PDB file of N, CA and C in Angstrom:
ATOM      1  N   MET A   1       6.851 -86.748  56.308  1.00  0.00           N
ATOM      2  CA  MET A   1       7.270 -86.534  54.949  1.00  0.00           C
ATOM      3  C   MET A   1       6.398 -87.392  54.044  1.00  0.00           C
ATOM      4  N   ALA A   2       6.075 -86.829  52.888  1.00  0.00           N
ATOM      5  CA  ALA A   2       5.346 -87.567  51.859  1.00  0.00           C
ATOM      6  C   ALA A   2       6.077 -87.377  50.543  1.00  0.00           C
ATOM      7  N   PHE A   3       6.063 -88.405  49.738  1.00  0.00           N
ATOM      8  CA  PHE A   3       6.777 -88.416  48.474  1.00  0.00           C
ATOM      9  C   PHE A   3       5.799 -88.858  47.393  1.00  0.00           C
ATOM     10  N   ALA A   4       5.780 -88.145  46.263  1.00  0.00           N
ATOM     11  CA  ALA A   4       4.889 -88.487  45.153  1.00  0.00           C
ATOM     12  C   ALA A   4       5.710 -88.691  43.889  1.00  0.00           C
ATOM     13  N   VAL A   5       5.298 -89.661  43.087  1.00  0.00           N
ATOM     14  CA  VAL A   5       5.982 -89.985  41.838  1.00  0.00           C
ATOM     15  C   VAL A   5       4.976 -89.936  40.699  1.00  0.00           C
ATOM     16  N   ALA A   6       5.342 -89.263  39.615  1.00  0.00           N
ATOM     17  CA  ALA A   6       4.541 -89.255  38.390  1.00  0.00           C
ATOM     18  C   ALA A   6       5.119 -90.306  37.452  1.00  0.00           C
ATOM     19  N   ARG A   7       4.242 -91.084  36.836  1.00  0.00           N
ATOM     20  CA  ARG A   7       4.682 -92.149  35.931  1.00  0.00           C
ATOM     21  C   ARG A   7       4.037 -91.971  34.561  1.00  0.00           C
ATOM     22  N   ASP A   8       4.743 -92.396  33.539  1.00  0.00           N
ATOM     23  CA  ASP A   8       4.193 -92.346  32.190  1.00  0.00           C
ATOM     24  C   ASP A   8       3.339 -93.593  31.930  1.00  0.00           C
ATOM     25  N   ALA A   9       2.826 -93.721  30.715  1.00  0.00           N
ATOM     26  CA  ALA A   9       1.950 -94.847  30.367  1.00  0.00           C
ATOM     27  C   ALA A   9       2.646 -96.192  30.530  1.00  0.00           C
ATOM     28  N   GLY A  10       3.971 -96.223  30.409  1.00  0.00           N
ATOM     29  CA  GLY A  10       4.735 -97.453  30.591  1.00  0.00           C
ATOM     30  C   GLY A  10       5.145 -97.681  32.039  1.00  0.00           C
ATOM     31  N   HIS A  11       4.610 -96.874  32.956  1.00  0.00           N
ATOM     32  CA  HIS A  11       4.880 -96.959  34.396  1.00  0.00           C
ATOM     33  C   HIS A  11       6.313 -96.585  34.767  1.00  0.00           C
ATOM     34  N   HIS A  12       6.989 -95.835  33.901  1.00  0.00           N
ATOM     35  CA  HIS A  12       8.330 -95.341  34.212  1.00  0.00           C
ATOM     36  C   HIS A  12       8.206 -94.019  34.961  1.00  0.00           C
ATOM     37  N   ALA A  13       9.007 -93.836  35.995  1.00  0.00           N
ATOM     38  CA  ALA A  13       8.993 -92.588  36.750  1.00  0.00           C
ATOM     39  C   ALA A  13       9.490 -91.447  35.870  1.00  0.00           C
ATOM     40  N   VAL A  14       8.696 -90.380  35.786  1.00  0.00           N
ATOM     41  CA  VAL A  14       9.072 -89.221  34.980  1.00  0.00           C
ATOM     42  C   VAL A  14       9.131 -87.943  35.814  1.00  0.00           C
ATOM     43  N   GLY A  15       8.748 -88.028  37.089  1.00  0.00           N
ATOM     44  CA  GLY A  15       8.799 -86.862  37.956  1.00  0.00           C
ATOM     45  C   GLY A  15       8.567 -87.260  39.391  1.00  0.00           C
ATOM     46  N   CYS A  16       8.989 -86.390  40.286  1.00  0.00           N
ATOM     47  CA  CYS A  16       8.798 -86.654  41.709  1.00  0.00           C
ATOM     48  C   CYS A  16       8.816 -85.346  42.482  1.00  0.00           C
ATOM     49  N   ALA A  17       8.266 -85.408  43.680  1.00  0.00           N
ATOM     50  CA  ALA A  17       8.268 -84.265  44.583  1.00  0.00           C
ATOM     51  C   ALA A  17       8.019 -84.782  45.994  1.00  0.00           C
ATOM     52  N   ALA A  18       8.367 -83.965  46.967  1.00  0.00           N
ATOM     53  CA  ALA A  18       8.163 -84.346  48.364  1.00  0.00           C
ATOM     54  C   ALA A  18       7.703 -83.139  49.156  1.00  0.00           C
ATOM     55  N   VAL A  19       7.050 -83.429  50.277  1.00  0.00           N
ATOM     56  CA  VAL A  19       6.665 -82.392  51.224  1.00  0.00           C
ATOM     57  C   VAL A  19       7.048 -82.877  52.619  1.00  0.00           C
ATOM     58  N   VAL A  20       7.605 -81.967  53.400  1.00  0.00           N
ATOM     59  CA  VAL A  20       7.932 -82.236  54.796  1.00  0.00           C
ATOM     60  C   VAL A  20       6.961 -81.411  55.631  1.00  0.00           C
ATOM     61  N   VAL A  21       6.206 -82.081  56.510  1.00  0.00           N
ATOM     62  CA  VAL A  21       5.203 -81.407  57.333  1.00  0.00           C
ATOM     63  C   VAL A  21       5.675 -81.411  58.780  1.00  0.00           C
ATOM     64  N   ASP A  22       5.605 -80.232  59.393  1.00  0.00           N
ATOM     65  CA  ASP A  22       5.958 -80.080  60.806  1.00  0.00           C
ATOM     66  C   ASP A  22       4.856 -79.261  61.455  1.00  0.00           C
ATOM     67  N   GLY A  23       3.858 -79.943  61.992  1.00  0.00           N
ATOM     68  CA  GLY A  23       2.724 -79.245  62.582  1.00  0.00           C
ATOM     69  C   GLY A  23       1.905 -78.564  61.505  1.00  0.00           C
ATOM     70  N   PRO A  24       1.569 -77.288  61.703  1.00  0.00           N
ATOM     71  CA  PRO A  24       0.731 -76.602  60.722  1.00  0.00           C
ATOM     72  C   PRO A  24       1.482 -76.103  59.484  1.00  0.00           C
ATOM     73  N   GLN A  25       2.804 -76.266  59.461  1.00  0.00           N
ATOM     74  CA  GLN A  25       3.587 -75.830  58.306  1.00  0.00           C
ATOM     75  C   GLN A  25       4.141 -77.036  57.547  1.00  0.00           C
ATOM     76  N   GLY A  26       4.251 -76.852  56.248  1.00  0.00           N
ATOM     77  CA  GLY A  26       4.880 -77.856  55.411  1.00  0.00           C
ATOM     78  C   GLY A  26       5.748 -77.166  54.383  1.00  0.00           C
ATOM     79  N   GLU A  27       6.779 -77.860  53.937  1.00  0.00           N
ATOM     80  CA  GLU A  27       7.657 -77.293  52.914  1.00  0.00           C
ATOM     81  C   GLU A  27       7.786 -78.279  51.764  1.00  0.00           C
ATOM     82  N   LEU A  28       7.508 -77.780  50.560  1.00  0.00           N
ATOM     83  CA  LEU A  28       7.705 -78.592  49.372  1.00  0.00           C
ATOM     84  C   LEU A  28       9.190 -78.683  49.094  1.00  0.00           C
ATOM     85  N   LYS A  29       9.632 -79.884  48.760  1.00  0.00           N
ATOM     86  CA  LYS A  29      11.058 -80.132  48.540  1.00  0.00           C
ATOM     87  C   LYS A  29      11.280 -80.810  47.201  1.00  0.00           C
ATOM     88  N   GLY A  30      12.273 -80.391  46.498  1.00  0.00           N
ATOM     89  CA  GLY A  30      12.851 -81.098  45.365  1.00  0.00           C
ATOM     90  C   GLY A  30      11.937 -81.606  44.279  1.00  0.00           C
ATOM     91  N   MET A  31      11.013 -80.802  43.785  1.00  0.00           N
ATOM     92  CA  MET A  31      10.213 -81.256  42.655  1.00  0.00           C
ATOM     93  C   MET A  31      11.082 -81.297  41.410  1.00  0.00           C
ATOM     94  N   ASP A  32      10.936 -82.377  40.655  1.00  0.00           N
ATOM     95  CA  ASP A  32      11.709 -82.511  39.420  1.00  0.00           C
ATOM     96  C   ASP A  32      10.915 -83.324  38.418  1.00  0.00           C
ATOM     97  N   LEU A  33      10.995 -82.918  37.159  1.00  0.00           N
ATOM     98  CA  LEU A  33      10.378 -83.654  36.056  1.00  0.00           C
ATOM     99  C   LEU A  33      11.411 -83.859  34.969  1.00  0.00           C
ATOM    100  N   ARG A  34      11.358 -85.014  34.329  1.00  0.00           N
ATOM    101  CA  ARG A  34      12.221 -85.227  33.166  1.00  0.00           C
ATOM    102  C   ARG A  34      11.813 -84.227  32.099  1.00  0.00           C
ATOM    103  N   PRO A  35      12.755 -83.724  31.332  1.00  0.00           N
ATOM    104  CA  PRO A  35      12.413 -82.724  30.308  1.00  0.00           C
ATOM    105  C   PRO A  35      11.294 -83.164  29.371  1.00  0.00           C
ATOM    106  N   ALA A  36      11.265 -84.422  28.973  1.00  0.00           N
ATOM    107  CA  ALA A  36      10.229 -84.905  28.047  1.00  0.00           C
ATOM    108  C   ALA A  36       8.840 -84.907  28.677  1.00  0.00           C
ATOM    109  N   ALA A  37       8.763 -84.863  30.003  1.00  0.00           N
ATOM    110  CA  ALA A  37       7.473 -84.902  30.699  1.00  0.00           C
ATOM    111  C   ALA A  37       6.936 -83.514  31.017  1.00  0.00           C
ATOM    112  N   ARG A  38       7.689 -82.486  30.737  1.00  0.00           N
ATOM    113  CA  ARG A  38       7.267 -81.124  31.071  1.00  0.00           C
ATOM    114  C   ARG A  38       6.177 -80.647  30.113  1.00  0.00           C
ATOM    115  N   GLY A  39       5.359 -79.743  30.602  1.00  0.00           N
ATOM    116  CA  GLY A  39       4.298 -79.174  29.779  1.00  0.00           C
ATOM    117  C   GLY A  39       3.058 -80.039  29.676  1.00  0.00           C
ATOM    118  N   GLN A  40       2.953 -81.075  30.500  1.00  0.00           N
ATOM    119  CA  GLN A  40       1.806 -81.987  30.453  1.00  0.00           C
ATOM    120  C   GLN A  40       0.918 -81.875  31.688  1.00  0.00           C
ATOM    121  N   GLY A  41       1.202 -80.919  32.564  1.00  0.00           N
ATOM    122  CA  GLY A  41       0.408 -80.740  33.768  1.00  0.00           C
ATOM    123  C   GLY A  41       0.808 -81.650  34.917  1.00  0.00           C
ATOM    124  N   LEU A  42       1.906 -82.386  34.772  1.00  0.00           N
ATOM    125  CA  LEU A  42       2.321 -83.319  35.815  1.00  0.00           C
ATOM    126  C   LEU A  42       2.769 -82.601  37.087  1.00  0.00           C
ATOM    127  N   ALA A  43       3.437 -81.473  36.949  1.00  0.00           N
ATOM    128  CA  ALA A  43       3.876 -80.731  38.130  1.00  0.00           C
ATOM    129  C   ALA A  43       2.667 -80.293  38.953  1.00  0.00           C
ATOM    130  N   GLN A  44       1.620 -79.827  38.287  1.00  0.00           N
ATOM    131  CA  GLN A  44       0.416 -79.417  38.999  1.00  0.00           C
ATOM    132  C   GLN A  44      -0.243 -80.616  39.678  1.00  0.00           C
ATOM    133  N   GLN A  45      -0.230 -81.767  39.016  1.00  0.00           N
ATOM    134  CA  GLN A  45      -0.810 -82.963  39.622  1.00  0.00           C
ATOM    135  C   GLN A  45      -0.009 -83.395  40.853  1.00  0.00           C
ATOM    136  N   LEU A  46       1.310 -83.336  40.757  1.00  0.00           N
ATOM    137  CA  LEU A  46       2.141 -83.669  41.919  1.00  0.00           C
ATOM    138  C   LEU A  46       1.854 -82.722  43.073  1.00  0.00           C
ATOM    139  N   LEU A  47       1.754 -81.422  42.777  1.00  0.00           N
ATOM    140  CA  LEU A  47       1.442 -80.440  43.817  1.00  0.00           C
ATOM    141  C   LEU A  47       0.096 -80.741  44.467  1.00  0.00           C
ATOM    142  N   GLN A  48      -0.903 -81.074  43.670  1.00  0.00           N
ATOM    143  CA  GLN A  48      -2.230 -81.349  44.213  1.00  0.00           C
ATOM    144  C   GLN A  48      -2.212 -82.574  45.124  1.00  0.00           C
ATOM    145  N   VAL A  49      -1.491 -83.610  44.720  1.00  0.00           N
ATOM    146  CA  VAL A  49      -1.390 -84.807  45.555  1.00  0.00           C
ATOM    147  C   VAL A  49      -0.725 -84.463  46.882  1.00  0.00           C
ATOM    148  N   LEU A  50       0.388 -83.728  46.824  1.00  0.00           N
ATOM    149  CA  LEU A  50       1.096 -83.388  48.057  1.00  0.00           C
ATOM    150  C   LEU A  50       0.292 -82.441  48.940  1.00  0.00           C
ATOM    151  N   GLU A  51      -0.462 -81.536  48.355  1.00  0.00           N
ATOM    152  CA  GLU A  51      -1.328 -80.654  49.148  1.00  0.00           C
ATOM    153  C   GLU A  51      -2.379 -81.469  49.891  1.00  0.00           C
ATOM    154  N   THR A  52      -2.977 -82.429  49.213  1.00  0.00           N
ATOM    155  CA  THR A  52      -3.988 -83.276  49.845  1.00  0.00           C
ATOM    156  C   THR A  52      -3.397 -84.052  51.014  1.00  0.00           C
ATOM    157  N   VAL A  53      -2.238 -84.647  50.793  1.00  0.00           N
ATOM    158  CA  VAL A  53      -1.580 -85.414  51.850  1.00  0.00           C
ATOM    159  C   VAL A  53      -1.190 -84.495  53.008  1.00  0.00           C
ATOM    160  N   ALA A  54      -0.617 -83.338  52.694  1.00  0.00           N
ATOM    161  CA  ALA A  54      -0.199 -82.402  53.738  1.00  0.00           C
ATOM    162  C   ALA A  54      -1.395 -81.932  54.563  1.00  0.00           C
ATOM    163  N   THR A  55      -2.514 -81.664  53.907  1.00  0.00           N
ATOM    164  CA  THR A  55      -3.721 -81.242  54.616  1.00  0.00           C
ATOM    165  C   THR A  55      -4.173 -82.334  55.576  1.00  0.00           C
ATOM    166  N   ARG A  56      -4.154 -83.568  55.124  1.00  0.00           N
ATOM    167  CA  ARG A  56      -4.541 -84.698  55.995  1.00  0.00           C
ATOM    168  C   ARG A  56      -3.593 -84.853  57.174  1.00  0.00           C
ATOM    169  N   MET A  57      -2.350 -84.373  57.013  1.00  0.00           N
ATOM    170  CA  MET A  57      -1.359 -84.446  58.092  1.00  0.00           C
ATOM    171  C   MET A  57      -1.457 -83.236  59.029  1.00  0.00           C
ATOM    172  N   GLY A  58      -2.425 -82.355  58.794  1.00  0.00           N
ATOM    173  CA  GLY A  58      -2.631 -81.203  59.667  1.00  0.00           C
ATOM    174  C   GLY A  58      -1.964 -79.923  59.198  1.00  0.00           C
ATOM    175  N   CYS A  59      -1.397 -79.933  58.022  1.00  0.00           N
ATOM    176  CA  CYS A  59      -0.713 -78.753  57.485  1.00  0.00           C
ATOM    177  C   CYS A  59      -1.729 -77.693  57.070  1.00  0.00           C
ATOM    178  N   ARG A  60      -1.433 -76.439  57.407  1.00  0.00           N
ATOM    179  CA  ARG A  60      -2.305 -75.316  57.033  1.00  0.00           C
ATOM    180  C   ARG A  60      -1.594 -74.296  56.143  1.00  0.00           C
ATOM    181  N   HIS A  61      -0.260 -74.364  56.064  1.00  0.00           N
ATOM    182  CA  HIS A  61       0.520 -73.462  55.210  1.00  0.00           C
ATOM    183  C   HIS A  61       1.597 -74.286  54.515  1.00  0.00           C
ATOM    184  N   LEU A  62       1.662 -74.184  53.206  1.00  0.00           N
ATOM    185  CA  LEU A  62       2.745 -74.826  52.463  1.00  0.00           C
ATOM    186  C   LEU A  62       3.724 -73.758  52.013  1.00  0.00           C
ATOM    187  N   TRP A  63       4.995 -74.021  52.201  1.00  0.00           N
ATOM    188  CA  TRP A  63       6.052 -73.108  51.788  1.00  0.00           C
ATOM    189  C   TRP A  63       6.902 -73.774  50.716  1.00  0.00           C
ATOM    190  N   LEU A  64       7.538 -72.956  49.928  1.00  0.00           N
ATOM    191  CA  LEU A  64       8.567 -73.452  49.015  1.00  0.00           C
ATOM    192  C   LEU A  64       9.569 -72.350  48.760  1.00  0.00           C
ATOM    193  N   GLU A  65      10.765 -72.762  48.449  1.00  0.00           N
ATOM    194  CA  GLU A  65      11.844 -71.831  48.091  1.00  0.00           C
ATOM    195  C   GLU A  65      12.435 -72.339  46.802  1.00  0.00           C
ATOM    196  N   THR A  66      12.596 -71.438  45.853  1.00  0.00           N
ATOM    197  CA  THR A  66      13.198 -71.806  44.583  1.00  0.00           C
ATOM    198  C   THR A  66      14.199 -70.726  44.199  1.00  0.00           C
ATOM    199  N   GLY A  67      14.912 -70.967  43.150  1.00  0.00           N
ATOM    200  CA  GLY A  67      15.954 -70.031  42.761  1.00  0.00           C
ATOM    201  C   GLY A  67      15.925 -69.709  41.282  1.00  0.00           C
ATOM    202  N   PRO A  68      16.994 -69.093  40.796  1.00  0.00           N
ATOM    203  CA  PRO A  68      17.020 -68.597  39.426  1.00  0.00           C
ATOM    204  C   PRO A  68      17.008 -69.692  38.363  1.00  0.00           C
ATOM    205  N   TYR A  69      17.337 -70.908  38.726  1.00  0.00           N
ATOM    206  CA  TYR A  69      17.390 -71.971  37.728  1.00  0.00           C
ATOM    207  C   TYR A  69      16.034 -72.633  37.499  1.00  0.00           C
ATOM    208  N   GLN A  70      15.027 -72.253  38.271  1.00  0.00           N
ATOM    209  CA  GLN A  70      13.689 -72.806  38.114  1.00  0.00           C
ATOM    210  C   GLN A  70      12.671 -71.724  37.750  1.00  0.00           C
ATOM    211  N   ALA A  71      13.117 -70.662  37.123  1.00  0.00           N
ATOM    212  CA  ALA A  71      12.233 -69.536  36.815  1.00  0.00           C
ATOM    213  C   ALA A  71      11.030 -69.968  35.973  1.00  0.00           C
ATOM    214  N   GLU A  72      11.190 -70.965  35.119  1.00  0.00           N
ATOM    215  CA  GLU A  72      10.075 -71.411  34.275  1.00  0.00           C
ATOM    216  C   GLU A  72       8.970 -72.077  35.092  1.00  0.00           C
ATOM    217  N   ALA A  73       9.271 -72.496  36.310  1.00  0.00           N
ATOM    218  CA  ALA A  73       8.273 -73.149  37.161  1.00  0.00           C
ATOM    219  C   ALA A  73       7.393 -72.149  37.907  1.00  0.00           C
ATOM    220  N   LEU A  74       7.836 -70.919  38.062  1.00  0.00           N
ATOM    221  CA  LEU A  74       7.099 -69.950  38.878  1.00  0.00           C
ATOM    222  C   LEU A  74       5.664 -69.702  38.412  1.00  0.00           C
ATOM    223  N   PRO A  75       5.409 -69.504  37.123  1.00  0.00           N
ATOM    224  CA  PRO A  75       4.005 -69.276  36.721  1.00  0.00           C
ATOM    225  C   PRO A  75       3.091 -70.445  37.092  1.00  0.00           C
ATOM    226  N   GLY A  76       3.562 -71.670  36.949  1.00  0.00           N
ATOM    227  CA  GLY A  76       2.747 -72.827  37.305  1.00  0.00           C
ATOM    228  C   GLY A  76       2.464 -72.906  38.782  1.00  0.00           C
ATOM    229  N   VAL A  77       3.460 -72.556  39.596  1.00  0.00           N
ATOM    230  CA  VAL A  77       3.279 -72.561  41.050  1.00  0.00           C
ATOM    231  C   VAL A  77       2.304 -71.455  41.447  1.00  0.00           C
ATOM    232  N   GLU A  78       2.433 -70.294  40.824  1.00  0.00           N
ATOM    233  CA  GLU A  78       1.510 -69.199  41.108  1.00  0.00           C
ATOM    234  C   GLU A  78       0.089 -69.563  40.677  1.00  0.00           C
ATOM    235  N   ASP A  79      -0.049 -70.281  39.560  1.00  0.00           N
ATOM    236  CA  ASP A  79      -1.369 -70.729  39.110  1.00  0.00           C
ATOM    237  C   ASP A  79      -2.022 -71.671  40.113  1.00  0.00           C
ATOM    238  N   GLN A  80      -1.214 -72.342  40.937  1.00  0.00           N
ATOM    239  CA  GLN A  80      -1.721 -73.253  41.960  1.00  0.00           C
ATOM    240  C   GLN A  80      -2.047 -72.544  43.273  1.00  0.00           C
ATOM    241  N   GLY A  81      -1.919 -71.214  43.283  1.00  0.00           N
ATOM    242  CA  GLY A  81      -2.313 -70.444  44.460  1.00  0.00           C
ATOM    243  C   GLY A  81      -1.190 -70.018  45.376  1.00  0.00           C
ATOM    244  N   PHE A  82       0.049 -70.258  44.986  1.00  0.00           N
ATOM    245  CA  PHE A  82       1.178 -69.820  45.808  1.00  0.00           C
ATOM    246  C   PHE A  82       1.440 -68.343  45.553  1.00  0.00           C
ATOM    247  N   VAL A  83       1.785 -67.634  46.629  1.00  0.00           N
ATOM    248  CA  VAL A  83       2.118 -66.210  46.534  1.00  0.00           C
ATOM    249  C   VAL A  83       3.503 -65.995  47.133  1.00  0.00           C
ATOM    250  N   ARG A  84       4.163 -64.986  46.656  1.00  0.00           N
ATOM    251  CA  ARG A  84       5.504 -64.673  47.159  1.00  0.00           C
ATOM    252  C   ARG A  84       5.436 -64.137  48.571  1.00  0.00           C
ATOM    253  N   ARG A  85       6.465 -64.447  49.332  1.00  0.00           N
ATOM    254  CA  ARG A  85       6.571 -64.016  50.723  1.00  0.00           C
ATOM    255  C   ARG A  85       8.042 -63.882  51.066  1.00  0.00           C
ATOM    256  N   GLY A  86       8.324 -63.484  52.280  1.00  0.00           N
ATOM    257  CA  GLY A  86       9.700 -63.380  52.740  1.00  0.00           C
ATOM    258  C   GLY A  86      10.246 -64.747  53.127  1.00  0.00           C
ATOM    259  N   PRO A  87      11.514 -64.777  53.519  1.00  0.00           N
ATOM    260  CA  PRO A  87      12.144 -66.042  53.919  1.00  0.00           C
ATOM    261  C   PRO A  87      11.432 -66.681  55.109  1.00  0.00           C
ATOM    262  N   PHE A  88      11.554 -67.978  55.215  1.00  0.00           N
ATOM    263  CA  PHE A  88      10.961 -68.714  56.326  1.00  0.00           C
ATOM    264  C   PHE A  88      12.014 -69.622  56.946  1.00  0.00           C
ATOM    265  N   GLY A  89      11.722 -70.073  58.160  1.00  0.00           N
ATOM    266  CA  GLY A  89      12.653 -70.964  58.854  1.00  0.00           C
ATOM    267  C   GLY A  89      14.015 -70.313  58.997  1.00  0.00           C
ATOM    268  N   SER A  90      15.048 -71.090  58.784  1.00  0.00           N
ATOM    269  CA  SER A  90      16.410 -70.579  58.919  1.00  0.00           C
ATOM    270  C   SER A  90      17.010 -70.147  57.583  1.00  0.00           C
ATOM    271  N   ASP A  91      16.187 -70.133  56.515  1.00  0.00           N
ATOM    272  CA  ASP A  91      16.702 -69.723  55.203  1.00  0.00           C
ATOM    273  C   ASP A  91      17.033 -68.233  55.197  1.00  0.00           C
ATOM    274  N   PRO A  92      18.219 -67.873  54.713  1.00  0.00           N
ATOM    275  CA  PRO A  92      18.562 -66.452  54.635  1.00  0.00           C
ATOM    276  C   PRO A  92      17.834 -65.780  53.471  1.00  0.00           C
ATOM    277  N   ASP A  93      17.736 -64.471  53.541  1.00  0.00           N
ATOM    278  CA  ASP A  93      17.130 -63.703  52.454  1.00  0.00           C
ATOM    279  C   ASP A  93      18.179 -63.505  51.372  1.00  0.00           C
ATOM    280  N   HIS A  94      18.359 -64.517  50.554  1.00  0.00           N
ATOM    281  CA  HIS A  94      19.346 -64.508  49.482  1.00  0.00           C
ATOM    282  C   HIS A  94      18.680 -63.935  48.233  1.00  0.00           C
ATOM    283  N   PRO A  95      19.254 -62.898  47.601  1.00  0.00           N
ATOM    284  CA  PRO A  95      18.578 -62.215  46.490  1.00  0.00           C
ATOM    285  C   PRO A  95      18.032 -63.116  45.384  1.00  0.00           C
ATOM    286  N   PRO A  96      18.724 -64.162  44.921  1.00  0.00           N
ATOM    287  CA  PRO A  96      18.117 -64.957  43.850  1.00  0.00           C
ATOM    288  C   PRO A  96      17.004 -65.893  44.322  1.00  0.00           C
ATOM    289  N   SER A  97      16.866 -66.095  45.616  1.00  0.00           N
ATOM    290  CA  SER A  97      15.841 -67.002  46.122  1.00  0.00           C
ATOM    291  C   SER A  97      14.458 -66.380  46.005  1.00  0.00           C
ATOM    292  N   VAL A  98      13.480 -67.225  45.697  1.00  0.00           N
ATOM    293  CA  VAL A  98      12.078 -66.828  45.674  1.00  0.00           C
ATOM    294  C   VAL A  98      11.376 -67.694  46.708  1.00  0.00           C
ATOM    295  N   PHE A  99      10.758 -67.053  47.692  1.00  0.00           N
ATOM    296  CA  PHE A  99      10.036 -67.746  48.745  1.00  0.00           C
ATOM    297  C   PHE A  99       8.544 -67.593  48.478  1.00  0.00           C
ATOM    298  N   MET A 100       7.799 -68.695  48.605  1.00  0.00           N
ATOM    299  CA  MET A 100       6.371 -68.664  48.315  1.00  0.00           C
ATOM    300  C   MET A 100       5.608 -69.435  49.379  1.00  0.00           C
ATOM    301  N   GLU A 101       4.324 -69.133  49.462  1.00  0.00           N
ATOM    302  CA  GLU A 101       3.451 -69.751  50.461  1.00  0.00           C
ATOM    303  C   GLU A 101       2.056 -69.948  49.878  1.00  0.00           C
ATOM    304  N   LYS A 102       1.400 -71.008  50.346  1.00  0.00           N
ATOM    305  CA  LYS A 102      -0.009 -71.219  50.028  1.00  0.00           C
ATOM    306  C   LYS A 102      -0.708 -71.627  51.318  1.00  0.00           C
ATOM    307  N   ARG A 103      -1.799 -70.964  51.611  1.00  0.00           N
ATOM    308  CA  ARG A 103      -2.618 -71.329  52.775  1.00  0.00           C
ATOM    309  C   ARG A 103      -3.578 -72.429  52.333  1.00  0.00           C
ATOM    310  N   LEU A 104      -3.642 -73.477  53.147  1.00  0.00           N
ATOM    311  CA  LEU A 104      -4.491 -74.619  52.831  1.00  0.00           C
ATOM    312  C   LEU A 104      -5.771 -74.566  53.666  1.00  0.00           C
ATOM    313  N   ALA A 105      -6.862 -74.981  53.080  1.00  0.00           N
ATOM    314  CA  ALA A 105      -8.121 -75.044  53.811  1.00  0.00           C
ATOM    315  C   ALA A 105      -8.099 -76.246  54.748  1.00  0.00           C
ATOM    316  N   PRO A 106      -8.660 -76.099  55.941  1.00  0.00           N
ATOM    317  CA  PRO A 106      -8.690 -77.234  56.872  1.00  0.00           C
ATOM    318  C   PRO A 106      -9.613 -78.338  56.383  1.00  0.00           C
TER     319      PRO A 106
END
C-alpha cells in the first residue's frame, strides 16, 4: 500500500489518496480533496505519484471503482488515461458503480 498527501503552501493537508498493489494489479482507494483545493490539478498530481509508486512495486494495471457521488471526478480520471471496464475482484456489478482501469508501462 502507498499513501500520498497533497499539501498547500502552509503545509496543511488538503488531499489524499492511496493505492493497494497486489502483484501486477493495483486499486486506487479513497481519493479525497478539500473543496477549496479542487480545480487546481491536485487530484491529477496525486494520481501521477501513486502511478509511479505502483509501477515501481510491479503493478501493470490500476483499477478504481467510483459511484454516483463522484461524477465530477470522472472526466479528470479519464484525462489521466483510465477507461471504463466491467467489475473486478469481488465487487458486484452494481448499476451506479463505475469501474475503470489504466494499463501502466513497465
